[in-house]
Amino acid sequence: MLWLVLLLGLSKPPTAMRTVEIRGMEFHPAVLTVAVGDTVVWVNRDIVPHTATASGRVKAWDTKQLSQGQAGRYVARHKGTLRYSCTFHPTMHGTLIVR
């Protein structure tokens, strides 16, 4: 029976939760590869507030201000390479690759 479900494409691939830590005024890891459907969580470990905000004309996400210990989430819905930065500290950059 399982083979029939797989054959018909009715099963969804498992999704994952991936974490990016914000510490030392950097995103760790700076480049992260995820699958469509995965959730990315940014956790601020610094004492100063940060954001993780998608770059470009269309803002795919914006965590808004994250104080120390707070987290923001984004569910990757479309394939592509998305760049992001902290709106408070524009020298902080990261890349999210969605496959």
N, C-alpha and C. Protein backbone atom coordinates (compact mmCIF):
# COMPACT_ATOMS: atom_id res chain seq x y z
N MET A 1 0.82 -1.19 0.00
CA MET A 1 0.00 0.00 0.00
C MET A 1 0.87 1.26 0.00
N LEU A 2 1.97 1.25 0.74
CA LEU A 2 2.85 2.41 0.80
C LEU A 2 3.40 2.74 -0.58
N TRP A 3 3.76 1.71 -1.35
CA TRP A 3 4.29 1.95 -2.68
C TRP A 3 3.27 2.66 -3.56
N LEU A 4 2.00 2.39 -3.36
CA LEU A 4 0.96 3.03 -4.14
C LEU A 4 0.88 4.52 -3.80
N VAL A 5 0.97 4.84 -2.53
CA VAL A 5 0.95 6.25 -2.11
C VAL A 5 2.14 6.99 -2.68
N LEU A 6 3.32 6.38 -2.61
CA LEU A 6 4.52 7.01 -3.15
C LEU A 6 4.43 7.15 -4.66
N LEU A 7 3.91 6.14 -5.31
CA LEU A 7 3.77 6.16 -6.76
C LEU A 7 2.84 7.28 -7.20
N LEU A 8 1.79 7.49 -6.50
CA LEU A 8 0.82 8.53 -6.85
C LEU A 8 1.24 9.92 -6.40
N GLY A 9 2.33 9.99 -5.65
CA GLY A 9 2.83 11.29 -5.21
C GLY A 9 1.97 11.95 -4.16
N LEU A 10 1.24 11.16 -3.40
CA LEU A 10 0.34 11.72 -2.40
C LEU A 10 1.04 12.00 -1.07
N SER A 11 2.22 11.48 -0.91
CA SER A 11 2.93 11.72 0.35
C SER A 11 3.78 12.97 0.21
N LYS A 12 3.89 13.71 1.29
CA LYS A 12 4.70 14.92 1.30
C LYS A 12 6.06 14.58 1.89
N PRO A 13 7.13 15.18 1.35
CA PRO A 13 8.43 14.94 1.96
C PRO A 13 8.46 15.56 3.35
N PRO A 14 9.24 14.98 4.25
CA PRO A 14 9.32 15.55 5.60
C PRO A 14 9.94 16.94 5.57
N THR A 15 9.49 17.79 6.47
CA THR A 15 10.07 19.13 6.57
C THR A 15 10.97 19.19 7.79
N ALA A 16 11.86 20.15 7.78
CA ALA A 16 12.82 20.29 8.86
C ALA A 16 12.76 21.70 9.43
N MET A 17 13.28 21.85 10.63
CA MET A 17 13.44 23.16 11.24
C MET A 17 14.94 23.41 11.33
N ARG A 18 15.39 24.52 10.76
CA ARG A 18 16.81 24.87 10.75
C ARG A 18 16.99 26.17 11.51
N THR A 19 18.07 26.27 12.25
CA THR A 19 18.31 27.43 13.11
C THR A 19 19.51 28.23 12.63
N VAL A 20 19.35 29.55 12.63
CA VAL A 20 20.45 30.49 12.38
C VAL A 20 20.61 31.29 13.66
N GLU A 21 21.80 31.24 14.25
CA GLU A 21 22.07 32.04 15.44
C GLU A 21 22.63 33.39 15.03
N ILE A 22 22.18 34.41 15.72
CA ILE A 22 22.72 35.76 15.54
C ILE A 22 23.61 36.01 16.75
N ARG A 23 24.91 36.05 16.51
CA ARG A 23 25.86 36.27 17.61
C ARG A 23 27.12 36.91 17.07
N GLY A 24 27.71 37.76 17.88
CA GLY A 24 28.94 38.43 17.45
C GLY A 24 28.72 39.31 16.23
N MET A 25 27.48 39.85 16.12
CA MET A 25 27.12 40.73 15.00
C MET A 25 27.23 40.01 13.65
N GLU A 26 26.95 38.69 13.65
CA GLU A 26 26.96 37.88 12.43
C GLU A 26 25.85 36.84 12.47
N PHE A 27 25.44 36.36 11.30
CA PHE A 27 24.52 35.25 11.19
C PHE A 27 25.34 33.96 11.10
N HIS A 28 24.99 32.96 11.91
CA HIS A 28 25.71 31.68 11.92
C HIS A 28 24.73 30.54 11.69
N PRO A 29 24.78 29.82 10.59
CA PRO A 29 25.70 30.00 9.46
C PRO A 29 25.25 31.19 8.59
N ALA A 30 26.20 31.76 7.87
CA ALA A 30 25.91 32.89 6.99
C ALA A 30 25.19 32.42 5.73
N VAL A 31 25.44 31.18 5.32
CA VAL A 31 24.77 30.59 4.16
C VAL A 31 24.10 29.30 4.63
N LEU A 32 22.81 29.17 4.37
CA LEU A 32 22.06 28.00 4.79
C LEU A 32 21.24 27.49 3.62
N THR A 33 21.31 26.17 3.39
CA THR A 33 20.52 25.54 2.34
C THR A 33 19.40 24.72 2.99
N VAL A 34 18.17 24.96 2.53
CA VAL A 34 16.99 24.27 3.07
C VAL A 34 16.14 23.77 1.91
N ALA A 35 15.14 22.98 2.23
CA ALA A 35 14.19 22.50 1.23
C ALA A 35 12.91 23.31 1.32
N VAL A 36 12.16 23.34 0.23
CA VAL A 36 10.84 23.97 0.25
C VAL A 36 10.02 23.32 1.36
N GLY A 37 9.39 24.13 2.18
CA GLY A 37 8.59 23.63 3.30
C GLY A 37 9.32 23.66 4.63
N ASP A 38 10.64 23.77 4.60
CA ASP A 38 11.41 23.84 5.85
C ASP A 38 11.16 25.17 6.55
N THR A 39 11.30 25.16 7.86
CA THR A 39 11.18 26.38 8.67
C THR A 39 12.57 26.82 9.10
N VAL A 40 12.86 28.10 8.90
CA VAL A 40 14.12 28.68 9.34
C VAL A 40 13.81 29.55 10.56
N VAL A 41 14.58 29.35 11.63
CA VAL A 41 14.39 30.12 12.86
C VAL A 41 15.67 30.89 13.13
N TRP A 42 15.55 32.20 13.28
CA TRP A 42 16.68 33.05 13.66
C TRP A 42 16.56 33.34 15.14
N VAL A 43 17.62 33.07 15.90
CA VAL A 43 17.64 33.30 17.34
C VAL A 43 18.72 34.34 17.64
N ASN A 44 18.34 35.42 18.30
CA ASN A 44 19.29 36.47 18.64
C ASN A 44 20.00 36.15 19.95
N ARG A 45 21.30 35.91 19.87
CA ARG A 45 22.13 35.64 21.06
C ARG A 45 22.93 36.87 21.48
N ASP A 46 22.85 37.95 20.70
CA ASP A 46 23.56 39.18 21.04
C ASP A 46 22.77 39.99 22.07
N ILE A 47 23.45 40.95 22.71
CA ILE A 47 22.77 41.80 23.68
C ILE A 47 22.05 42.96 23.01
N VAL A 48 22.35 43.20 21.73
CA VAL A 48 21.70 44.29 20.99
C VAL A 48 20.62 43.69 20.08
N PRO A 49 19.58 44.45 19.75
CA PRO A 49 18.53 43.93 18.87
C PRO A 49 19.01 43.78 17.43
N HIS A 50 18.40 42.83 16.73
CA HIS A 50 18.70 42.58 15.32
C HIS A 50 17.40 42.24 14.59
N THR A 51 17.48 42.18 13.26
CA THR A 51 16.42 41.64 12.43
C THR A 51 17.05 40.68 11.44
N ALA A 52 16.24 39.87 10.81
CA ALA A 52 16.64 39.10 9.63
C ALA A 52 15.58 39.46 8.60
N THR A 53 15.97 40.32 7.67
CA THR A 53 15.03 40.89 6.71
C THR A 53 15.48 40.60 5.30
N ALA A 54 14.59 39.98 4.52
CA ALA A 54 14.91 39.65 3.13
C ALA A 54 15.24 40.92 2.36
N SER A 55 16.21 40.81 1.45
CA SER A 55 16.60 41.93 0.60
C SER A 55 15.81 41.90 -0.70
N GLY A 56 15.82 42.99 -1.41
CA GLY A 56 15.16 43.05 -2.71
C GLY A 56 13.84 43.79 -2.64
N ARG A 57 13.23 43.91 -3.81
CA ARG A 57 11.97 44.66 -3.91
C ARG A 57 10.84 43.96 -3.16
N VAL A 58 10.79 42.64 -3.27
CA VAL A 58 9.75 41.89 -2.58
C VAL A 58 10.35 41.31 -1.31
N LYS A 59 9.85 41.74 -0.18
CA LYS A 59 10.35 41.25 1.10
C LYS A 59 9.68 39.92 1.43
N ALA A 60 10.40 38.82 1.22
CA ALA A 60 9.84 37.48 1.49
C ALA A 60 9.54 37.34 2.98
N TRP A 61 10.36 37.96 3.82
CA TRP A 61 10.13 37.90 5.25
C TRP A 61 10.85 39.04 5.96
N ASP A 62 10.41 39.33 7.15
CA ASP A 62 11.05 40.29 8.05
C ASP A 62 10.71 39.83 9.46
N THR A 63 11.72 39.46 10.22
CA THR A 63 11.47 38.99 11.58
C THR A 63 11.06 40.12 12.51
N LYS A 64 11.19 41.35 12.04
CA LYS A 64 11.03 42.53 12.89
C LYS A 64 12.13 42.50 13.96
N GLN A 65 12.06 43.39 14.91
CA GLN A 65 13.11 43.49 15.93
C GLN A 65 13.13 42.25 16.83
N LEU A 66 14.31 41.66 16.95
CA LEU A 66 14.51 40.53 17.86
C LEU A 66 15.46 40.97 18.97
N SER A 67 14.96 41.04 20.19
CA SER A 67 15.83 41.35 21.33
C SER A 67 16.57 40.08 21.73
N GLN A 68 17.51 40.20 22.64
CA GLN A 68 18.30 39.05 23.08
C GLN A 68 17.37 37.91 23.52
N GLY A 69 17.62 36.72 22.97
CA GLY A 69 16.84 35.54 23.32
C GLY A 69 15.58 35.34 22.50
N GLN A 70 15.17 36.34 21.74
CA GLN A 70 13.97 36.20 20.93
C GLN A 70 14.27 35.51 19.60
N ALA A 71 13.22 34.96 18.99
CA ALA A 71 13.38 34.24 17.73
C ALA A 71 12.32 34.69 16.73
N GLY A 72 12.68 34.60 15.45
CA GLY A 72 11.76 34.87 14.35
C GLY A 72 11.79 33.71 13.39
N ARG A 73 10.69 33.48 12.67
CA ARG A 73 10.57 32.30 11.79
C ARG A 73 10.17 32.68 10.39
N TYR A 74 10.55 31.80 9.46
CA TYR A 74 10.13 31.92 8.06
C TYR A 74 10.01 30.51 7.49
N VAL A 75 8.91 30.23 6.81
CA VAL A 75 8.73 28.95 6.13
C VAL A 75 9.08 29.16 4.67
N ALA A 76 10.06 28.41 4.18
CA ALA A 76 10.52 28.53 2.79
C ALA A 76 9.45 27.95 1.86
N ARG A 77 8.86 28.77 1.04
CA ARG A 77 7.74 28.35 0.18
C ARG A 77 8.13 28.18 -1.29
N HIS A 78 9.22 28.86 -1.72
CA HIS A 78 9.60 28.82 -3.13
C HIS A 78 11.10 28.61 -3.27
N LYS A 79 11.49 27.90 -4.32
CA LYS A 79 12.91 27.67 -4.59
C LYS A 79 13.58 28.98 -5.00
N GLY A 80 14.86 29.07 -4.67
CA GLY A 80 15.63 30.23 -5.07
C GLY A 80 16.68 30.59 -4.04
N THR A 81 17.45 31.60 -4.36
CA THR A 81 18.47 32.12 -3.46
C THR A 81 18.00 33.46 -2.93
N LEU A 82 17.87 33.54 -1.62
CA LEU A 82 17.35 34.74 -0.97
C LEU A 82 18.44 35.33 -0.08
N ARG A 83 18.69 36.59 -0.27
CA ARG A 83 19.67 37.27 0.56
C ARG A 83 18.92 38.07 1.62
N TYR A 84 19.56 38.22 2.77
CA TYR A 84 18.92 38.97 3.84
C TYR A 84 19.98 39.71 4.65
N SER A 85 19.53 40.64 5.47
CA SER A 85 20.44 41.43 6.30
C SER A 85 19.69 41.88 7.55
N CYS A 86 20.43 42.51 8.44
CA CYS A 86 19.86 43.12 9.64
C CYS A 86 19.60 44.59 9.31
N THR A 87 18.36 45.05 9.51
CA THR A 87 18.05 46.44 9.17
C THR A 87 18.76 47.43 10.09
N PHE A 88 19.10 47.00 11.29
CA PHE A 88 19.81 47.88 12.22
C PHE A 88 21.31 47.92 11.95
N HIS A 89 21.84 46.85 11.39
CA HIS A 89 23.28 46.71 11.16
C HIS A 89 23.49 46.20 9.73
N PRO A 90 23.47 47.10 8.73
CA PRO A 90 23.47 46.70 7.33
C PRO A 90 24.71 45.94 6.87
N THR A 91 25.74 45.87 7.69
CA THR A 91 26.92 45.08 7.31
C THR A 91 26.73 43.59 7.63
N MET A 92 25.65 43.26 8.31
CA MET A 92 25.33 41.86 8.62
C MET A 92 24.51 41.28 7.48
N HIS A 93 25.04 40.25 6.82
CA HIS A 93 24.36 39.65 5.67
C HIS A 93 24.29 38.14 5.82
N GLY A 94 23.27 37.56 5.20
CA GLY A 94 23.13 36.12 5.14
C GLY A 94 22.48 35.71 3.83
N THR A 95 22.58 34.44 3.51
CA THR A 95 21.98 33.90 2.29
C THR A 95 21.22 32.63 2.63
N LEU A 96 20.00 32.55 2.13
CA LEU A 96 19.17 31.36 2.29
C LEU A 96 18.95 30.76 0.91
N ILE A 97 19.39 29.52 0.73
CA ILE A 97 19.23 28.82 -0.54
C ILE A 97 18.12 27.79 -0.34
N VAL A 98 17.05 27.92 -1.11
CA VAL A 98 15.91 27.02 -1.00
C VAL A 98 15.89 26.12 -2.23
N ARG A 99 15.96 24.80 -1.98
CA ARG A 99 15.98 23.83 -3.09
C ARG A 99 14.76 22.98 -3.07
